Amino acid sequence: MAPETKKESPLPGAAPERFEEILVRLRGLVERLEGGNLPLEESLRAFEDGMELCRRGTAILDSAEKKVETLLGSAAAPRVAPFEDPEG
């Protein structure tokens, strides 16, 4: 099994991607896929790209969550509370 390559930023030394940029790209891919006009190969590639963007976005969110946990409490007893959505 080939090792999984991790895509960070497109160029070495470039600024890391922002979560908002990933969301914009992901929304664009979703629009293209929902349009239903892509050939199968392009649809699969768009899906793969979308999954990679999801992984990178999740990594950014996980990192942000760890920072918040660190800021809310000490390393011995972090104060973690579930996020409550005011809309539902």
PDB file of N, CA and C in Angstrom:
ATOM      1  N   MET A   1       0.843  -1.177   0.000  1.00  0.00           N
ATOM      2  CA  MET A   1       0.000   0.000   0.000  1.00  0.00           C
ATOM      3  C   MET A   1       0.891   1.244   0.000  1.00  0.00           C
ATOM      4  N   ALA A   2       0.627   2.170  -0.880  1.00  0.00           N
ATOM      5  CA  ALA A   2       1.455   3.365  -1.006  1.00  0.00           C
ATOM      6  C   ALA A   2       1.200   4.307   0.156  1.00  0.00           C
ATOM      7  N   PRO A   3       2.234   4.999   0.626  1.00  0.00           N
ATOM      8  CA  PRO A   3       2.024   5.949   1.721  1.00  0.00           C
ATOM      9  C   PRO A   3       1.172   7.110   1.251  1.00  0.00           C
ATOM     10  N   GLU A   4       0.344   7.598   2.152  1.00  0.00           N
ATOM     11  CA  GLU A   4      -0.533   8.716   1.826  1.00  0.00           C
ATOM     12  C   GLU A   4       0.270  10.002   1.874  1.00  0.00           C
ATOM     13  N   THR A   5       0.146  10.798   0.832  1.00  0.00           N
ATOM     14  CA  THR A   5       0.844  12.071   0.811  1.00  0.00           C
ATOM     15  C   THR A   5      -0.067  13.125   1.408  1.00  0.00           C
ATOM     16  N   LYS A   6       0.525  14.032   2.149  1.00  0.00           N
ATOM     17  CA  LYS A   6      -0.238  15.074   2.818  1.00  0.00           C
ATOM     18  C   LYS A   6      -0.036  16.377   2.067  1.00  0.00           C
ATOM     19  N   LYS A   7      -1.135  16.948   1.583  1.00  0.00           N
ATOM     20  CA  LYS A   7      -1.059  18.211   0.863  1.00  0.00           C
ATOM     21  C   LYS A   7      -1.303  19.341   1.853  1.00  0.00           C
ATOM     22  N   GLU A   8      -0.333  20.182   2.030  1.00  0.00           N
ATOM     23  CA  GLU A   8      -0.472  21.323   2.914  1.00  0.00           C
ATOM     24  C   GLU A   8      -0.785  22.551   2.065  1.00  0.00           C
ATOM     25  N   SER A   9       0.230  23.309   1.734  1.00  0.00           N
ATOM     26  CA  SER A   9       0.040  24.453   0.869  1.00  0.00           C
ATOM     27  C   SER A   9       0.697  24.146  -0.467  1.00  0.00           C
ATOM     28  N   PRO A  10       0.262  24.803  -1.537  1.00  0.00           N
ATOM     29  CA  PRO A  10       0.760  24.465  -2.860  1.00  0.00           C
ATOM     30  C   PRO A  10       2.262  24.651  -3.046  1.00  0.00           C
ATOM     31  N   LEU A  11       2.861  25.623  -2.388  1.00  0.00           N
ATOM     32  CA  LEU A  11       4.282  25.886  -2.556  1.00  0.00           C
ATOM     33  C   LEU A  11       4.994  25.812  -1.206  1.00  0.00           C
ATOM     34  N   PRO A  12       6.215  25.244  -1.174  1.00  0.00           N
ATOM     35  CA  PRO A  12       6.962  25.235   0.078  1.00  0.00           C
ATOM     36  C   PRO A  12       7.214  26.660   0.538  1.00  0.00           C
ATOM     37  N   GLY A  13       7.002  26.911   1.813  1.00  0.00           N
ATOM     38  CA  GLY A  13       7.217  28.249   2.348  1.00  0.00           C
ATOM     39  C   GLY A  13       6.040  29.179   2.155  1.00  0.00           C
ATOM     40  N   ALA A  14       4.997  28.718   1.451  1.00  0.00           N
ATOM     41  CA  ALA A  14       3.818  29.552   1.253  1.00  0.00           C
ATOM     42  C   ALA A  14       2.999  29.588   2.534  1.00  0.00           C
ATOM     43  N   ALA A  15       2.193  30.620   2.679  1.00  0.00           N
ATOM     44  CA  ALA A  15       1.330  30.734   3.859  1.00  0.00           C
ATOM     45  C   ALA A  15       0.332  29.579   3.867  1.00  0.00           C
ATOM     46  N   PRO A  16       0.022  29.052   5.052  1.00  0.00           N
ATOM     47  CA  PRO A  16      -0.947  27.957   5.118  1.00  0.00           C
ATOM     48  C   PRO A  16      -2.328  28.430   4.670  1.00  0.00           C
ATOM     49  N   GLU A  17      -3.106  27.483   4.177  1.00  0.00           N
ATOM     50  CA  GLU A  17      -4.456  27.820   3.733  1.00  0.00           C
ATOM     51  C   GLU A  17      -5.317  28.255   4.901  1.00  0.00           C
ATOM     52  N   ARG A  18      -6.215  29.154   4.616  1.00  0.00           N
ATOM     53  CA  ARG A  18      -7.186  29.586   5.615  1.00  0.00           C
ATOM     54  C   ARG A  18      -8.448  28.753   5.449  1.00  0.00           C
ATOM     55  N   PHE A  19      -9.134  28.539   6.559  1.00  0.00           N
ATOM     56  CA  PHE A  19     -10.351  27.747   6.555  1.00  0.00           C
ATOM     57  C   PHE A  19     -11.377  28.340   5.589  1.00  0.00           C
ATOM     58  N   GLU A  20     -11.486  29.646   5.568  1.00  0.00           N
ATOM     59  CA  GLU A  20     -12.459  30.309   4.706  1.00  0.00           C
ATOM     60  C   GLU A  20     -12.169  30.047   3.226  1.00  0.00           C
ATOM     61  N   GLU A  21     -10.883  30.000   2.868  1.00  0.00           N
ATOM     62  CA  GLU A  21     -10.509  29.713   1.481  1.00  0.00           C
ATOM     63  C   GLU A  21     -10.903  28.285   1.103  1.00  0.00           C
ATOM     64  N   ILE A  22     -10.703  27.372   2.037  1.00  0.00           N
ATOM     65  CA  ILE A  22     -11.081  25.984   1.791  1.00  0.00           C
ATOM     66  C   ILE A  22     -12.588  25.890   1.583  1.00  0.00           C
ATOM     67  N   LEU A  23     -13.356  26.592   2.412  1.00  0.00           N
ATOM     68  CA  LEU A  23     -14.814  26.571   2.270  1.00  0.00           C
ATOM     69  C   LEU A  23     -15.268  27.100   0.915  1.00  0.00           C
ATOM     70  N   VAL A  24     -14.656  28.174   0.461  1.00  0.00           N
ATOM     71  CA  VAL A  24     -15.018  28.745  -0.848  1.00  0.00           C
ATOM     72  C   VAL A  24     -14.758  27.730  -1.953  1.00  0.00           C
ATOM     73  N   ARG A  25     -13.587  27.097  -1.902  1.00  0.00           N
ATOM     74  CA  ARG A  25     -13.251  26.098  -2.925  1.00  0.00           C
ATOM     75  C   ARG A  25     -14.192  24.902  -2.858  1.00  0.00           C
ATOM     76  N   LEU A  26     -14.513  24.475  -1.646  1.00  0.00           N
ATOM     77  CA  LEU A  26     -15.411  23.338  -1.461  1.00  0.00           C
ATOM     78  C   LEU A  26     -16.811  23.654  -1.986  1.00  0.00           C
ATOM     79  N   ARG A  27     -17.288  24.845  -1.711  1.00  0.00           N
ATOM     80  CA  ARG A  27     -18.617  25.244  -2.223  1.00  0.00           C
ATOM     81  C   ARG A  27     -18.630  25.266  -3.752  1.00  0.00           C
ATOM     82  N   GLY A  28     -17.533  25.724  -4.348  1.00  0.00           N
ATOM     83  CA  GLY A  28     -17.437  25.728  -5.804  1.00  0.00           C
ATOM     84  C   GLY A  28     -17.510  24.321  -6.376  1.00  0.00           C
ATOM     85  N   LEU A  29     -16.815  23.381  -5.725  1.00  0.00           N
ATOM     86  CA  LEU A  29     -16.858  21.993  -6.187  1.00  0.00           C
ATOM     87  C   LEU A  29     -18.262  21.415  -6.058  1.00  0.00           C
ATOM     88  N   VAL A  30     -18.926  21.715  -4.959  1.00  0.00           N
ATOM     89  CA  VAL A  30     -20.284  21.217  -4.749  1.00  0.00           C
ATOM     90  C   VAL A  30     -21.221  21.750  -5.834  1.00  0.00           C
ATOM     91  N   GLU A  31     -21.097  23.019  -6.161  1.00  0.00           N
ATOM     92  CA  GLU A  31     -21.930  23.600  -7.217  1.00  0.00           C
ATOM     93  C   GLU A  31     -21.698  22.900  -8.550  1.00  0.00           C
ATOM     94  N   ARG A  32     -20.419  22.636  -8.862  1.00  0.00           N
ATOM     95  CA  ARG A  32     -20.104  21.943 -10.124  1.00  0.00           C
ATOM     96  C   ARG A  32     -20.708  20.543 -10.138  1.00  0.00           C
ATOM     97  N   LEU A  33     -20.574  19.833  -9.021  1.00  0.00           N
ATOM     98  CA  LEU A  33     -21.106  18.470  -8.953  1.00  0.00           C
ATOM     99  C   LEU A  33     -22.637  18.464  -9.004  1.00  0.00           C
ATOM    100  N   GLU A  34     -23.264  19.401  -8.313  1.00  0.00           N
ATOM    101  CA  GLU A  34     -24.720  19.451  -8.304  1.00  0.00           C
ATOM    102  C   GLU A  34     -25.286  19.862  -9.655  1.00  0.00           C
ATOM    103  N   GLY A  35     -24.470  20.545 -10.466  1.00  0.00           N
ATOM    104  CA  GLY A  35     -24.919  20.934 -11.802  1.00  0.00           C
ATOM    105  C   GLY A  35     -25.217  19.731 -12.677  1.00  0.00           C
ATOM    106  N   GLY A  36     -24.548  18.625 -12.420  1.00  0.00           N
ATOM    107  CA  GLY A  36     -24.799  17.379 -13.130  1.00  0.00           C
ATOM    108  C   GLY A  36     -24.308  17.337 -14.562  1.00  0.00           C
ATOM    109  N   ASN A  37     -23.491  18.281 -14.969  1.00  0.00           N
ATOM    110  CA  ASN A  37     -23.028  18.332 -16.354  1.00  0.00           C
ATOM    111  C   ASN A  37     -21.594  17.861 -16.543  1.00  0.00           C
ATOM    112  N   LEU A  38     -20.986  17.311 -15.506  1.00  0.00           N
ATOM    113  CA  LEU A  38     -19.602  16.865 -15.611  1.00  0.00           C
ATOM    114  C   LEU A  38     -19.535  15.412 -16.068  1.00  0.00           C
ATOM    115  N   PRO A  39     -18.558  15.091 -16.901  1.00  0.00           N
ATOM    116  CA  PRO A  39     -18.335  13.680 -17.225  1.00  0.00           C
ATOM    117  C   PRO A  39     -17.931  12.928 -15.962  1.00  0.00           C
ATOM    118  N   LEU A  40     -18.077  11.627 -15.994  1.00  0.00           N
ATOM    119  CA  LEU A  40     -17.804  10.797 -14.831  1.00  0.00           C
ATOM    120  C   LEU A  40     -16.409  11.032 -14.265  1.00  0.00           C
ATOM    121  N   GLU A  41     -15.390  11.055 -15.120  1.00  0.00           N
ATOM    122  CA  GLU A  41     -14.019  11.220 -14.646  1.00  0.00           C
ATOM    123  C   GLU A  41     -13.836  12.552 -13.923  1.00  0.00           C
ATOM    124  N   GLU A  42     -14.407  13.614 -14.471  1.00  0.00           N
ATOM    125  CA  GLU A  42     -14.298  14.927 -13.830  1.00  0.00           C
ATOM    126  C   GLU A  42     -15.077  14.958 -12.522  1.00  0.00           C
ATOM    127  N   SER A  43     -16.214  14.281 -12.489  1.00  0.00           N
ATOM    128  CA  SER A  43     -17.004  14.205 -11.258  1.00  0.00           C
ATOM    129  C   SER A  43     -16.224  13.500 -10.165  1.00  0.00           C
ATOM    130  N   LEU A  44     -15.580  12.389 -10.525  1.00  0.00           N
ATOM    131  CA  LEU A  44     -14.785  11.662  -9.537  1.00  0.00           C
ATOM    132  C   LEU A  44     -13.615  12.496  -9.037  1.00  0.00           C
ATOM    133  N   ARG A  45     -12.959  13.205  -9.950  1.00  0.00           N
ATOM    134  CA  ARG A  45     -11.828  14.055  -9.554  1.00  0.00           C
ATOM    135  C   ARG A  45     -12.310  15.182  -8.638  1.00  0.00           C
ATOM    136  N   ALA A  46     -13.452  15.782  -8.973  1.00  0.00           N
ATOM    137  CA  ALA A  46     -14.007  16.847  -8.135  1.00  0.00           C
ATOM    138  C   ALA A  46     -14.364  16.298  -6.751  1.00  0.00           C
ATOM    139  N   PHE A  47     -14.906  15.085  -6.719  1.00  0.00           N
ATOM    140  CA  PHE A  47     -15.244  14.455  -5.446  1.00  0.00           C
ATOM    141  C   PHE A  47     -13.982  14.210  -4.616  1.00  0.00           C
ATOM    142  N   GLU A  48     -12.932  13.693  -5.259  1.00  0.00           N
ATOM    143  CA  GLU A  48     -11.658  13.463  -4.567  1.00  0.00           C
ATOM    144  C   GLU A  48     -11.095  14.778  -4.026  1.00  0.00           C
ATOM    145  N   ASP A  49     -11.133  15.806  -4.851  1.00  0.00           N
ATOM    146  CA  ASP A  49     -10.647  17.117  -4.408  1.00  0.00           C
ATOM    147  C   ASP A  49     -11.458  17.616  -3.219  1.00  0.00           C
ATOM    148  N   GLY A  50     -12.760  17.421  -3.275  1.00  0.00           N
ATOM    149  CA  GLY A  50     -13.629  17.839  -2.180  1.00  0.00           C
ATOM    150  C   GLY A  50     -13.324  17.100  -0.888  1.00  0.00           C
ATOM    151  N   MET A  51     -13.059  15.811  -0.994  1.00  0.00           N
ATOM    152  CA  MET A  51     -12.718  15.029   0.200  1.00  0.00           C
ATOM    153  C   MET A  51     -11.399  15.503   0.795  1.00  0.00           C
ATOM    154  N   GLU A  52     -10.433  15.836  -0.059  1.00  0.00           N
ATOM    155  CA  GLU A  52      -9.158  16.359   0.435  1.00  0.00           C
ATOM    156  C   GLU A  52      -9.354  17.708   1.120  1.00  0.00           C
ATOM    157  N   LEU A  53     -10.182  18.563   0.537  1.00  0.00           N
ATOM    158  CA  LEU A  53     -10.477  19.853   1.164  1.00  0.00           C
ATOM    159  C   LEU A  53     -11.162  19.651   2.510  1.00  0.00           C
ATOM    160  N   CYS A  54     -12.064  18.679   2.589  1.00  0.00           N
ATOM    161  CA  CYS A  54     -12.732  18.372   3.861  1.00  0.00           C
ATOM    162  C   CYS A  54     -11.711  17.945   4.911  1.00  0.00           C
ATOM    163  N   ARG A  55     -10.766  17.099   4.528  1.00  0.00           N
ATOM    164  CA  ARG A  55      -9.737  16.647   5.479  1.00  0.00           C
ATOM    165  C   ARG A  55      -8.903  17.829   5.976  1.00  0.00           C
ATOM    166  N   ARG A  56      -8.517  18.702   5.058  1.00  0.00           N
ATOM    167  CA  ARG A  56      -7.705  19.849   5.448  1.00  0.00           C
ATOM    168  C   ARG A  56      -8.501  20.821   6.313  1.00  0.00           C
ATOM    169  N   GLY A  57      -9.758  21.030   5.973  1.00  0.00           N
ATOM    170  CA  GLY A  57     -10.616  21.891   6.789  1.00  0.00           C
ATOM    171  C   GLY A  57     -10.816  21.325   8.181  1.00  0.00           C
ATOM    172  N   THR A  58     -11.009  20.010   8.256  1.00  0.00           N
ATOM    173  CA  THR A  58     -11.177  19.351   9.546  1.00  0.00           C
ATOM    174  C   THR A  58      -9.920  19.489  10.401  1.00  0.00           C
ATOM    175  N   ALA A  59      -8.756  19.373   9.774  1.00  0.00           N
ATOM    176  CA  ALA A  59      -7.496  19.522  10.508  1.00  0.00           C
ATOM    177  C   ALA A  59      -7.379  20.936  11.085  1.00  0.00           C
ATOM    178  N   ILE A  60      -7.781  21.929  10.317  1.00  0.00           N
ATOM    179  CA  ILE A  60      -7.734  23.313  10.799  1.00  0.00           C
ATOM    180  C   ILE A  60      -8.694  23.487  11.968  1.00  0.00           C
ATOM    181  N   LEU A  61      -9.907  22.937  11.855  1.00  0.00           N
ATOM    182  CA  LEU A  61     -10.881  23.039  12.946  1.00  0.00           C
ATOM    183  C   LEU A  61     -10.401  22.301  14.194  1.00  0.00           C
ATOM    184  N   ASP A  62      -9.796  21.128  14.012  1.00  0.00           N
ATOM    185  CA  ASP A  62      -9.265  20.381  15.149  1.00  0.00           C
ATOM    186  C   ASP A  62      -8.187  21.188  15.873  1.00  0.00           C
ATOM    187  N   SER A  63      -7.323  21.822  15.096  1.00  0.00           N
ATOM    188  CA  SER A  63      -6.265  22.640  15.676  1.00  0.00           C
ATOM    189  C   SER A  63      -6.856  23.820  16.451  1.00  0.00           C
ATOM    190  N   ALA A  64      -7.864  24.450  15.884  1.00  0.00           N
ATOM    191  CA  ALA A  64      -8.512  25.577  16.559  1.00  0.00           C
ATOM    192  C   ALA A  64      -9.173  25.111  17.857  1.00  0.00           C
ATOM    193  N   GLU A  65      -9.790  23.934  17.824  1.00  0.00           N
ATOM    194  CA  GLU A  65     -10.432  23.399  19.018  1.00  0.00           C
ATOM    195  C   GLU A  65      -9.410  23.166  20.126  1.00  0.00           C
ATOM    196  N   LYS A  66      -8.244  22.623  19.769  1.00  0.00           N
ATOM    197  CA  LYS A  66      -7.200  22.389  20.766  1.00  0.00           C
ATOM    198  C   LYS A  66      -6.708  23.701  21.366  1.00  0.00           C
ATOM    199  N   LYS A  67      -6.579  24.737  20.527  1.00  0.00           N
ATOM    200  CA  LYS A  67      -6.153  26.045  21.034  1.00  0.00           C
ATOM    201  C   LYS A  67      -7.172  26.598  22.012  1.00  0.00           C
ATOM    202  N   VAL A  68      -8.462  26.459  21.677  1.00  0.00           N
ATOM    203  CA  VAL A  68      -9.516  26.957  22.562  1.00  0.00           C
ATOM    204  C   VAL A  68      -9.495  26.195  23.882  1.00  0.00           C
ATOM    205  N   GLU A  69      -9.337  24.875  23.813  1.00  0.00           N
ATOM    206  CA  GLU A  69      -9.265  24.075  25.036  1.00  0.00           C
ATOM    207  C   GLU A  69      -8.098  24.527  25.908  1.00  0.00           C
ATOM    208  N   THR A  70      -6.981  24.819  25.290  1.00  0.00           N
ATOM    209  CA  THR A  70      -5.807  25.279  26.029  1.00  0.00           C
ATOM    210  C   THR A  70      -6.079  26.621  26.681  1.00  0.00           C
ATOM    211  N   LEU A  71      -6.733  27.511  25.960  1.00  0.00           N
ATOM    212  CA  LEU A  71      -7.025  28.834  26.500  1.00  0.00           C
ATOM    213  C   LEU A  71      -8.068  28.801  27.616  1.00  0.00           C
ATOM    214  N   LEU A  72      -8.982  27.856  27.562  1.00  0.00           N
ATOM    215  CA  LEU A  72     -10.048  27.793  28.561  1.00  0.00           C
ATOM    216  C   LEU A  72      -9.623  27.157  29.875  1.00  0.00           C
ATOM    217  N   GLY A  73      -8.587  26.387  29.870  1.00  0.00           N
ATOM    218  CA  GLY A  73      -8.211  25.730  31.115  1.00  0.00           C
ATOM    219  C   GLY A  73      -6.761  25.339  31.135  1.00  0.00           C
ATOM    220  N   SER A  74      -6.340  24.831  32.254  1.00  0.00           N
ATOM    221  CA  SER A  74      -4.958  24.371  32.377  1.00  0.00           C
ATOM    222  C   SER A  74      -4.819  23.025  31.694  1.00  0.00           C
ATOM    223  N   ALA A  75      -3.585  22.591  31.493  1.00  0.00           N
ATOM    224  CA  ALA A  75      -3.338  21.312  30.834  1.00  0.00           C
ATOM    225  C   ALA A  75      -3.866  20.165  31.683  1.00  0.00           C
ATOM    226  N   ALA A  76      -3.904  20.330  32.998  1.00  0.00           N
ATOM    227  CA  ALA A  76      -4.365  19.265  33.890  1.00  0.00           C
ATOM    228  C   ALA A  76      -5.887  19.125  33.871  1.00  0.00           C
ATOM    229  N   ALA A  77      -6.601  20.219  33.747  1.00  0.00           N
ATOM    230  CA  ALA A  77      -8.066  20.161  33.806  1.00  0.00           C
ATOM    231  C   ALA A  77      -8.683  21.137  32.811  1.00  0.00           C
ATOM    232  N   PRO A  78      -8.657  20.799  31.535  1.00  0.00           N
ATOM    233  CA  PRO A  78      -9.258  21.714  30.564  1.00  0.00           C
ATOM    234  C   PRO A  78     -10.767  21.807  30.762  1.00  0.00           C
ATOM    235  N   ARG A  79     -11.279  22.994  30.555  1.00  0.00           N
ATOM    236  CA  ARG A  79     -12.712  23.225  30.682  1.00  0.00           C
ATOM    237  C   ARG A  79     -13.313  23.170  29.285  1.00  0.00           C
ATOM    238  N   VAL A  80     -13.859  22.026  28.944  1.00  0.00           N
ATOM    239  CA  VAL A  80     -14.421  21.823  27.613  1.00  0.00           C
ATOM    240  C   VAL A  80     -15.926  21.699  27.755  1.00  0.00           C
ATOM    241  N   ALA A  81     -16.640  22.513  26.999  1.00  0.00           N
ATOM    242  CA  ALA A  81     -18.089  22.464  27.012  1.00  0.00           C
ATOM    243  C   ALA A  81     -18.571  22.263  25.575  1.00  0.00           C
ATOM    244  N   PRO A  82     -19.617  21.491  25.362  1.00  0.00           N
ATOM    245  CA  PRO A  82     -20.115  21.309  24.007  1.00  0.00           C
ATOM    246  C   PRO A  82     -20.658  22.616  23.450  1.00  0.00           C
ATOM    247  N   PHE A  83     -20.456  22.781  22.163  1.00  0.00           N
ATOM    248  CA  PHE A  83     -20.970  23.954  21.477  1.00  0.00           C
ATOM    249  C   PHE A  83     -22.461  23.804  21.307  1.00  0.00           C
ATOM    250  N   GLU A  84     -23.200  24.834  21.707  1.00  0.00           N
ATOM    251  CA  GLU A  84     -24.654  24.794  21.549  1.00  0.00           C
ATOM    252  C   GLU A  84     -25.042  25.750  20.436  1.00  0.00           C
ATOM    253  N   ASP A  85     -25.701  25.208  19.423  1.00  0.00           N
ATOM    254  CA  ASP A  85     -26.151  25.991  18.289  1.00  0.00           C
ATOM    255  C   ASP A  85     -27.402  26.738  18.697  1.00  0.00           C
ATOM    256  N   PRO A  86     -27.394  28.089  18.673  1.00  0.00           N
ATOM    257  CA  PRO A  86     -28.572  28.848  19.093  1.00  0.00           C
ATOM    258  C   PRO A  86     -29.780  28.650  18.175  1.00  0.00           C
ATOM    259  N   GLU A  87     -29.535  28.158  16.957  1.00  0.00           N
ATOM    260  CA  GLU A  87     -30.633  27.976  16.007  1.00  0.00           C
ATOM    261  C   GLU A  87     -31.249  26.583  16.079  1.00  0.00           C
ATOM    262  N   GLY A  88     -30.697  25.722  16.847  1.00  0.00           N
ATOM    263  CA  GLY A  88     -31.327  24.405  16.848  1.00  0.00           C
ATOM    264  C   GLY A  88     -30.603  23.471  17.658  1.00  0.00           C
TER     265      GLY A  88
END
